[in-house]
Amino acid sequence: MSTTIADAIRNDHSILRKMLQEIKKERDAMSPGLDEAFMRLRALSDIHMKSEEDLFYTVLKERSSSRAEALEALEEHHILRILEQEMVKLDKNDEIWKAKFGLYAEISNHHFDEEEEKLFQEVNQEISQEFQEELGQLFEQRKKLAKIPDLTAV
């Protein structure tokens, strides 16, 4: 059995959660590796969100039972992008950057939880296994095309 879209997204969530935790530790220790860690997080997060929007939410928006949740998730992506754009302009030692990152991590984790607890169940009920696997393959191909490094060791 191939990877489904939910499996691919869940895998990214696991990696992103670890990256968020690592950045929190580096932020609190004022580590010199904070810039690089944040840029890696942004790279994966950006392709993850774009792929979700193009592949996952496009399908969910077409179904009335999941439309509201899909639209809410898209708005969460919008807020996360705004925070990223603002944080890039700030010094990582700035209290405002630290506060924004805390909010970024909180919104991200909330978003991951909602997808995994609500939307994946709806996908399993409304979309064939074959189509879920096709979407999962496309999701993974996008990361390869974007040249996102293998972050499973994070």
N, C-alpha and C. Protein backbone atom coordinates (compact mmCIF):
# COMPACT_ATOMS: atom_id res chain seq x y z
N MET A 1 0.84 -1.18 0.00
CA MET A 1 0.00 0.00 0.00
C MET A 1 0.89 1.24 0.00
N SER A 2 0.55 2.21 -0.83
CA SER A 2 1.30 3.46 -0.95
C SER A 2 0.94 4.42 0.18
N THR A 3 1.74 5.43 0.30
CA THR A 3 1.49 6.49 1.28
C THR A 3 0.29 7.30 0.85
N THR A 4 -0.63 7.52 1.77
CA THR A 4 -1.79 8.37 1.47
C THR A 4 -1.43 9.83 1.75
N ILE A 5 -2.30 10.71 1.32
CA ILE A 5 -2.10 12.14 1.59
C ILE A 5 -2.05 12.40 3.10
N ALA A 6 -2.91 11.72 3.85
CA ALA A 6 -2.90 11.90 5.30
C ALA A 6 -1.59 11.41 5.91
N ASP A 7 -1.08 10.27 5.42
CA ASP A 7 0.21 9.76 5.91
C ASP A 7 1.34 10.75 5.63
N ALA A 8 1.36 11.29 4.41
CA ALA A 8 2.41 12.23 4.02
C ALA A 8 2.35 13.50 4.86
N ILE A 9 1.14 14.01 5.08
CA ILE A 9 0.98 15.21 5.89
C ILE A 9 1.35 14.93 7.34
N ARG A 10 0.90 13.80 7.87
CA ARG A 10 1.21 13.43 9.25
C ARG A 10 2.72 13.30 9.44
N ASN A 11 3.41 12.74 8.46
CA ASN A 11 4.87 12.62 8.53
C ASN A 11 5.51 14.00 8.61
N ASP A 12 5.06 14.91 7.76
CA ASP A 12 5.58 16.28 7.81
C ASP A 12 5.29 16.92 9.17
N HIS A 13 4.09 16.71 9.68
CA HIS A 13 3.74 17.28 10.99
C HIS A 13 4.71 16.82 12.07
N SER A 14 5.05 15.54 12.04
CA SER A 14 5.98 15.00 13.03
C SER A 14 7.33 15.71 12.93
N ILE A 15 7.81 15.87 11.72
CA ILE A 15 9.09 16.56 11.51
C ILE A 15 8.99 18.03 11.92
N LEU A 16 7.92 18.68 11.52
CA LEU A 16 7.74 20.10 11.86
C LEU A 16 7.61 20.30 13.36
N ARG A 17 6.91 19.41 14.05
CA ARG A 17 6.79 19.51 15.52
C ARG A 17 8.18 19.43 16.17
N LYS A 18 9.00 18.49 15.69
CA LYS A 18 10.36 18.35 16.24
C LYS A 18 11.17 19.61 15.97
N MET A 19 11.03 20.15 14.77
CA MET A 19 11.77 21.37 14.43
C MET A 19 11.32 22.53 15.30
N LEU A 20 10.03 22.66 15.54
CA LEU A 20 9.52 23.73 16.41
C LEU A 20 10.09 23.59 17.81
N GLN A 21 10.13 22.37 18.34
CA GLN A 21 10.69 22.14 19.67
C GLN A 21 12.18 22.50 19.71
N GLU A 22 12.90 22.10 18.68
CA GLU A 22 14.33 22.39 18.63
C GLU A 22 14.58 23.90 18.57
N ILE A 23 13.80 24.59 17.79
CA ILE A 23 13.97 26.05 17.69
C ILE A 23 13.63 26.71 19.03
N LYS A 24 12.63 26.22 19.72
CA LYS A 24 12.32 26.76 21.05
C LYS A 24 13.51 26.62 21.98
N LYS A 25 14.16 25.45 21.95
CA LYS A 25 15.33 25.23 22.79
C LYS A 25 16.46 26.17 22.39
N GLU A 26 16.69 26.29 21.09
CA GLU A 26 17.75 27.17 20.60
C GLU A 26 17.44 28.63 20.92
N ARG A 27 16.17 29.00 20.81
CA ARG A 27 15.75 30.37 21.13
C ARG A 27 16.03 30.67 22.59
N ASP A 28 15.64 29.75 23.47
CA ASP A 28 15.82 29.96 24.90
C ASP A 28 17.29 30.00 25.30
N ALA A 29 18.12 29.25 24.57
CA ALA A 29 19.56 29.23 24.85
C ALA A 29 20.31 30.28 24.03
N MET A 30 19.58 31.06 23.21
CA MET A 30 20.17 32.05 22.32
C MET A 30 21.30 31.43 21.50
N SER A 31 21.02 30.29 20.93
CA SER A 31 21.99 29.53 20.15
C SER A 31 22.31 30.23 18.83
N PRO A 32 23.58 30.14 18.40
CA PRO A 32 23.95 30.74 17.11
C PRO A 32 23.33 29.99 15.92
N GLY A 33 22.85 28.77 16.12
CA GLY A 33 22.25 28.00 15.05
C GLY A 33 20.78 28.32 14.81
N LEU A 34 20.26 29.29 15.52
CA LEU A 34 18.83 29.62 15.44
C LEU A 34 18.42 30.08 14.04
N ASP A 35 19.23 30.93 13.42
CA ASP A 35 18.89 31.42 12.06
C ASP A 35 18.75 30.27 11.08
N GLU A 36 19.73 29.38 11.07
CA GLU A 36 19.70 28.25 10.14
C GLU A 36 18.51 27.33 10.43
N ALA A 37 18.26 27.06 11.70
CA ALA A 37 17.14 26.19 12.06
C ALA A 37 15.80 26.80 11.62
N PHE A 38 15.67 28.10 11.79
CA PHE A 38 14.42 28.77 11.39
C PHE A 38 14.27 28.76 9.87
N MET A 39 15.35 28.94 9.14
CA MET A 39 15.27 28.91 7.67
C MET A 39 14.90 27.51 7.17
N ARG A 40 15.42 26.48 7.81
CA ARG A 40 15.04 25.10 7.44
C ARG A 40 13.57 24.87 7.73
N LEU A 41 13.11 25.36 8.86
CA LEU A 41 11.68 25.24 9.22
C LEU A 41 10.82 25.93 8.18
N ARG A 42 11.20 27.13 7.80
CA ARG A 42 10.44 27.87 6.78
C ARG A 42 10.41 27.13 5.45
N ALA A 43 11.53 26.55 5.05
CA ALA A 43 11.58 25.85 3.76
C ALA A 43 10.60 24.69 3.74
N LEU A 44 10.62 23.86 4.78
CA LEU A 44 9.69 22.73 4.81
C LEU A 44 8.26 23.21 5.01
N SER A 45 8.07 24.16 5.87
CA SER A 45 6.72 24.68 6.15
C SER A 45 6.09 25.27 4.90
N ASP A 46 6.87 26.02 4.14
CA ASP A 46 6.33 26.66 2.94
C ASP A 46 5.87 25.64 1.90
N ILE A 47 6.69 24.63 1.62
CA ILE A 47 6.28 23.64 0.62
C ILE A 47 5.16 22.77 1.18
N HIS A 48 5.19 22.52 2.47
CA HIS A 48 4.11 21.74 3.12
C HIS A 48 2.78 22.47 2.97
N MET A 49 2.75 23.75 3.31
CA MET A 49 1.50 24.51 3.23
C MET A 49 1.01 24.62 1.79
N LYS A 50 1.91 24.92 0.88
CA LYS A 50 1.52 25.05 -0.53
C LYS A 50 0.97 23.74 -1.07
N SER A 51 1.61 22.64 -0.73
CA SER A 51 1.14 21.33 -1.19
C SER A 51 -0.21 20.98 -0.57
N GLU A 52 -0.38 21.27 0.71
CA GLU A 52 -1.69 21.05 1.34
C GLU A 52 -2.77 21.85 0.63
N GLU A 53 -2.47 23.10 0.37
CA GLU A 53 -3.46 23.97 -0.27
C GLU A 53 -3.84 23.47 -1.66
N ASP A 54 -2.85 23.09 -2.44
CA ASP A 54 -3.10 22.69 -3.82
C ASP A 54 -3.70 21.29 -3.94
N LEU A 55 -3.33 20.40 -3.05
CA LEU A 55 -3.74 19.00 -3.19
C LEU A 55 -4.84 18.59 -2.20
N PHE A 56 -4.68 18.96 -0.96
CA PHE A 56 -5.57 18.49 0.11
C PHE A 56 -6.79 19.38 0.23
N TYR A 57 -6.57 20.68 0.41
CA TYR A 57 -7.70 21.58 0.65
C TYR A 57 -8.53 21.84 -0.60
N THR A 58 -7.92 21.74 -1.76
CA THR A 58 -8.68 21.88 -2.99
C THR A 58 -9.77 20.81 -3.05
N VAL A 59 -9.42 19.60 -2.66
CA VAL A 59 -10.38 18.50 -2.65
C VAL A 59 -11.41 18.71 -1.54
N LEU A 60 -10.94 19.08 -0.36
CA LEU A 60 -11.86 19.23 0.78
C LEU A 60 -12.85 20.38 0.60
N LYS A 61 -12.42 21.45 -0.04
CA LYS A 61 -13.32 22.59 -0.24
C LYS A 61 -14.51 22.22 -1.13
N GLU A 62 -14.35 21.20 -1.95
CA GLU A 62 -15.42 20.78 -2.86
C GLU A 62 -16.51 19.99 -2.13
N ARG A 63 -16.23 19.56 -0.92
CA ARG A 63 -17.18 18.76 -0.16
C ARG A 63 -17.79 19.61 0.95
N SER A 64 -19.09 19.69 0.98
CA SER A 64 -19.75 20.58 1.93
C SER A 64 -19.46 20.19 3.38
N SER A 65 -19.26 18.91 3.66
CA SER A 65 -19.03 18.48 5.04
C SER A 65 -17.68 18.93 5.59
N SER A 66 -16.72 19.20 4.73
CA SER A 66 -15.38 19.60 5.20
C SER A 66 -14.98 21.00 4.73
N ARG A 67 -15.86 21.67 4.03
CA ARG A 67 -15.53 22.99 3.48
C ARG A 67 -15.14 24.01 4.55
N ALA A 68 -15.92 24.10 5.61
CA ALA A 68 -15.64 25.10 6.66
C ALA A 68 -14.28 24.84 7.31
N GLU A 69 -13.97 23.58 7.60
CA GLU A 69 -12.68 23.25 8.21
C GLU A 69 -11.53 23.56 7.25
N ALA A 70 -11.73 23.28 5.97
CA ALA A 70 -10.69 23.56 4.98
C ALA A 70 -10.44 25.07 4.89
N LEU A 71 -11.50 25.85 4.89
CA LEU A 71 -11.33 27.31 4.82
C LEU A 71 -10.63 27.85 6.06
N GLU A 72 -10.98 27.31 7.22
CA GLU A 72 -10.30 27.72 8.46
C GLU A 72 -8.81 27.38 8.40
N ALA A 73 -8.49 26.19 7.92
CA ALA A 73 -7.09 25.78 7.82
C ALA A 73 -6.32 26.69 6.86
N LEU A 74 -6.95 27.09 5.78
CA LEU A 74 -6.31 28.01 4.84
C LEU A 74 -6.02 29.36 5.50
N GLU A 75 -6.92 29.80 6.34
CA GLU A 75 -6.69 31.06 7.07
C GLU A 75 -5.55 30.92 8.07
N GLU A 76 -5.44 29.74 8.69
CA GLU A 76 -4.30 29.50 9.59
C GLU A 76 -2.99 29.56 8.81
N HIS A 77 -2.97 29.01 7.61
CA HIS A 77 -1.78 29.12 6.77
C HIS A 77 -1.45 30.59 6.50
N HIS A 78 -2.46 31.37 6.20
CA HIS A 78 -2.26 32.79 5.93
C HIS A 78 -1.62 33.49 7.13
N ILE A 79 -2.13 33.21 8.31
CA ILE A 79 -1.57 33.82 9.53
C ILE A 79 -0.13 33.37 9.75
N LEU A 80 0.15 32.09 9.52
CA LEU A 80 1.51 31.59 9.68
C LEU A 80 2.48 32.27 8.71
N ARG A 81 2.03 32.50 7.50
CA ARG A 81 2.89 33.18 6.52
C ARG A 81 3.16 34.63 6.93
N ILE A 82 2.16 35.29 7.46
CA ILE A 82 2.36 36.67 7.94
C ILE A 82 3.39 36.68 9.06
N LEU A 83 3.26 35.76 10.00
CA LEU A 83 4.23 35.69 11.10
C LEU A 83 5.63 35.41 10.57
N GLU A 84 5.76 34.49 9.62
CA GLU A 84 7.08 34.20 9.03
C GLU A 84 7.68 35.45 8.41
N GLN A 85 6.89 36.18 7.63
CA GLN A 85 7.38 37.40 6.97
C GLN A 85 7.82 38.43 7.99
N GLU A 86 7.11 38.53 9.08
CA GLU A 86 7.49 39.50 10.12
C GLU A 86 8.73 39.04 10.87
N MET A 87 8.83 37.75 11.16
CA MET A 87 9.97 37.25 11.93
C MET A 87 11.28 37.34 11.14
N VAL A 88 11.21 37.18 9.83
CA VAL A 88 12.42 37.27 9.00
C VAL A 88 13.07 38.65 9.15
N LYS A 89 12.28 39.66 9.38
CA LYS A 89 12.78 41.03 9.46
C LYS A 89 13.35 41.38 10.84
N LEU A 90 13.13 40.52 11.82
CA LEU A 90 13.54 40.80 13.19
C LEU A 90 14.80 40.04 13.58
N ASP A 91 15.53 40.59 14.52
CA ASP A 91 16.66 39.90 15.11
C ASP A 91 16.12 38.77 15.98
N LYS A 92 16.75 37.60 15.88
CA LYS A 92 16.26 36.42 16.61
C LYS A 92 16.39 36.56 18.12
N ASN A 93 17.18 37.51 18.59
CA ASN A 93 17.31 37.74 20.03
C ASN A 93 16.29 38.75 20.54
N ASP A 94 15.57 39.35 19.65
CA ASP A 94 14.55 40.34 20.01
C ASP A 94 13.38 39.66 20.72
N GLU A 95 12.89 40.29 21.78
CA GLU A 95 11.76 39.73 22.53
C GLU A 95 10.53 39.56 21.64
N ILE A 96 10.35 40.48 20.69
CA ILE A 96 9.20 40.40 19.79
C ILE A 96 9.31 39.16 18.90
N TRP A 97 10.54 38.86 18.41
CA TRP A 97 10.72 37.65 17.61
C TRP A 97 10.36 36.42 18.44
N LYS A 98 10.82 36.40 19.68
CA LYS A 98 10.54 35.26 20.55
C LYS A 98 9.04 35.10 20.78
N ALA A 99 8.35 36.22 20.98
CA ALA A 99 6.90 36.16 21.19
C ALA A 99 6.19 35.69 19.92
N LYS A 100 6.61 36.20 18.79
CA LYS A 100 6.01 35.79 17.52
C LYS A 100 6.27 34.31 17.24
N PHE A 101 7.47 33.86 17.57
CA PHE A 101 7.74 32.44 17.35
C PHE A 101 6.89 31.57 18.26
N GLY A 102 6.70 32.00 19.50
CA GLY A 102 5.83 31.25 20.40
C GLY A 102 4.42 31.13 19.84
N LEU A 103 3.91 32.22 19.28
CA LEU A 103 2.60 32.21 18.66
C LEU A 103 2.59 31.33 17.41
N TYR A 104 3.65 31.43 16.62
CA TYR A 104 3.78 30.60 15.41
C TYR A 104 3.72 29.12 15.78
N ALA A 105 4.46 28.73 16.80
CA ALA A 105 4.48 27.33 17.23
C ALA A 105 3.10 26.91 17.75
N GLU A 106 2.45 27.77 18.50
CA GLU A 106 1.13 27.46 19.04
C GLU A 106 0.10 27.27 17.92
N ILE A 107 0.08 28.17 16.97
CA ILE A 107 -0.86 28.06 15.84
C ILE A 107 -0.55 26.81 15.01
N SER A 108 0.74 26.57 14.77
CA SER A 108 1.13 25.39 13.99
C SER A 108 0.65 24.11 14.66
N ASN A 109 0.92 23.96 15.94
CA ASN A 109 0.52 22.74 16.64
C ASN A 109 -1.00 22.58 16.69
N HIS A 110 -1.71 23.67 16.88
CA HIS A 110 -3.18 23.64 16.84
C HIS A 110 -3.65 23.17 15.46
N HIS A 111 -3.05 23.72 14.44
CA HIS A 111 -3.38 23.38 13.06
C HIS A 111 -3.13 21.89 12.80
N PHE A 112 -1.97 21.39 13.22
CA PHE A 112 -1.64 19.98 13.03
C PHE A 112 -2.67 19.10 13.72
N ASP A 113 -2.99 19.44 14.97
CA ASP A 113 -3.95 18.65 15.74
C ASP A 113 -5.32 18.60 15.07
N GLU A 114 -5.79 19.74 14.60
CA GLU A 114 -7.11 19.78 13.96
C GLU A 114 -7.13 18.93 12.68
N GLU A 115 -6.08 19.03 11.91
CA GLU A 115 -6.03 18.21 10.69
C GLU A 115 -6.06 16.73 11.04
N GLU A 116 -5.23 16.35 11.98
CA GLU A 116 -5.08 14.93 12.30
C GLU A 116 -6.32 14.38 13.01
N GLU A 117 -6.98 15.20 13.81
CA GLU A 117 -8.13 14.72 14.58
C GLU A 117 -9.45 14.84 13.83
N LYS A 118 -9.57 15.80 12.93
CA LYS A 118 -10.85 16.02 12.24
C LYS A 118 -10.78 15.74 10.75
N LEU A 119 -9.89 16.44 10.06
CA LEU A 119 -9.90 16.39 8.61
C LEU A 119 -9.49 15.03 8.04
N PHE A 120 -8.54 14.35 8.68
CA PHE A 120 -8.12 13.06 8.16
C PHE A 120 -9.26 12.04 8.22
N GLN A 121 -10.09 12.13 9.26
CA GLN A 121 -11.24 11.23 9.36
C GLN A 121 -12.22 11.50 8.23
N GLU A 122 -12.45 12.76 7.94
CA GLU A 122 -13.36 13.11 6.85
C GLU A 122 -12.82 12.62 5.50
N VAL A 123 -11.51 12.75 5.32
CA VAL A 123 -10.89 12.29 4.08
C VAL A 123 -11.10 10.79 3.92
N ASN A 124 -10.90 10.05 5.00
CA ASN A 124 -11.08 8.60 4.93
C ASN A 124 -12.51 8.21 4.59
N GLN A 125 -13.46 9.00 5.00
CA GLN A 125 -14.87 8.70 4.72
C GLN A 125 -15.29 9.14 3.33
N GLU A 126 -14.69 10.19 2.80
CA GLU A 126 -15.18 10.80 1.58
C GLU A 126 -14.35 10.56 0.33
N ILE A 127 -13.10 10.13 0.49
CA ILE A 127 -12.21 9.99 -0.65
C ILE A 127 -11.70 8.55 -0.73
N SER A 128 -11.71 8.00 -1.91
CA SER A 128 -11.28 6.62 -2.09
C SER A 128 -9.81 6.45 -1.68
N GLN A 129 -9.48 5.24 -1.27
CA GLN A 129 -8.10 4.92 -0.89
C GLN A 129 -7.15 5.18 -2.06
N GLU A 130 -7.59 4.82 -3.24
CA GLU A 130 -6.75 5.00 -4.43
C GLU A 130 -6.43 6.48 -4.66
N PHE A 131 -7.43 7.33 -4.54
CA PHE A 131 -7.22 8.76 -4.74
C PHE A 131 -6.36 9.35 -3.61
N GLN A 132 -6.55 8.87 -2.38
CA GLN A 132 -5.71 9.32 -1.26
C GLN A 132 -4.24 8.99 -1.52
N GLU A 133 -4.01 7.81 -2.07
CA GLU A 133 -2.63 7.40 -2.37
C GLU A 133 -2.04 8.22 -3.52
N GLU A 134 -2.87 8.51 -4.50
CA GLU A 134 -2.42 9.36 -5.61
C GLU A 134 -2.02 10.75 -5.10
N LEU A 135 -2.85 11.30 -4.23
CA LEU A 135 -2.54 12.61 -3.64
C LEU A 135 -1.28 12.54 -2.79
N GLY A 136 -1.11 11.44 -2.06
CA GLY A 136 0.09 11.26 -1.24
C GLY A 136 1.36 11.24 -2.08
N GLN A 137 1.30 10.57 -3.23
CA GLN A 137 2.45 10.54 -4.14
C GLN A 137 2.76 11.93 -4.68
N LEU A 138 1.73 12.65 -5.06
CA LEU A 138 1.93 14.02 -5.56
C LEU A 138 2.52 14.92 -4.48
N PHE A 139 2.04 14.76 -3.25
CA PHE A 139 2.53 15.55 -2.12
C PHE A 139 4.04 15.32 -1.94
N GLU A 140 4.44 14.06 -1.94
CA GLU A 140 5.87 13.73 -1.77
C GLU A 140 6.71 14.20 -2.95
N GLN A 141 6.17 14.09 -4.16
CA GLN A 141 6.90 14.54 -5.36
C GLN A 141 7.17 16.03 -5.30
N ARG A 142 6.24 16.79 -4.77
CA ARG A 142 6.43 18.24 -4.67
C ARG A 142 7.62 18.58 -3.79
N LYS A 143 7.78 17.86 -2.69
CA LYS A 143 8.92 18.11 -1.80
C LYS A 143 10.22 17.78 -2.52
N LYS A 144 10.23 16.69 -3.28
CA LYS A 144 11.44 16.33 -4.02
C LYS A 144 11.77 17.38 -5.06
N LEU A 145 10.77 17.85 -5.78
CA LEU A 145 10.99 18.89 -6.79
C LEU A 145 11.47 20.19 -6.17
N ALA A 146 11.01 20.47 -4.95
CA ALA A 146 11.43 21.69 -4.25
C ALA A 146 12.81 21.53 -3.63
N LYS A 147 13.36 20.32 -3.75
CA LYS A 147 14.69 20.01 -3.20
C LYS A 147 14.76 20.22 -1.69
N ILE A 148 13.69 19.84 -1.02
CA ILE A 148 13.66 19.88 0.45
C ILE A 148 14.51 18.70 0.91
N PRO A 149 15.53 18.97 1.75
CA PRO A 149 16.38 17.87 2.21
C PRO A 149 15.60 16.91 3.09
N ASP A 150 16.08 15.69 3.17
CA ASP A 150 15.47 14.70 4.05
C ASP A 150 15.67 15.17 5.48
N LEU A 151 14.58 15.44 6.16
CA LEU A 151 14.65 15.97 7.51
C LEU A 151 14.23 14.95 8.55
N THR A 152 14.19 13.68 8.17
CA THR A 152 13.74 12.66 9.12
C THR A 152 14.69 12.52 10.30
N ALA A 153 15.91 12.98 10.15
CA ALA A 153 16.88 12.89 11.24
C ALA A 153 16.74 14.03 12.23
N VAL A 154 15.86 14.98 11.94
CA VAL A 154 15.69 16.15 12.81
C VAL A 154 15.16 15.71 14.15
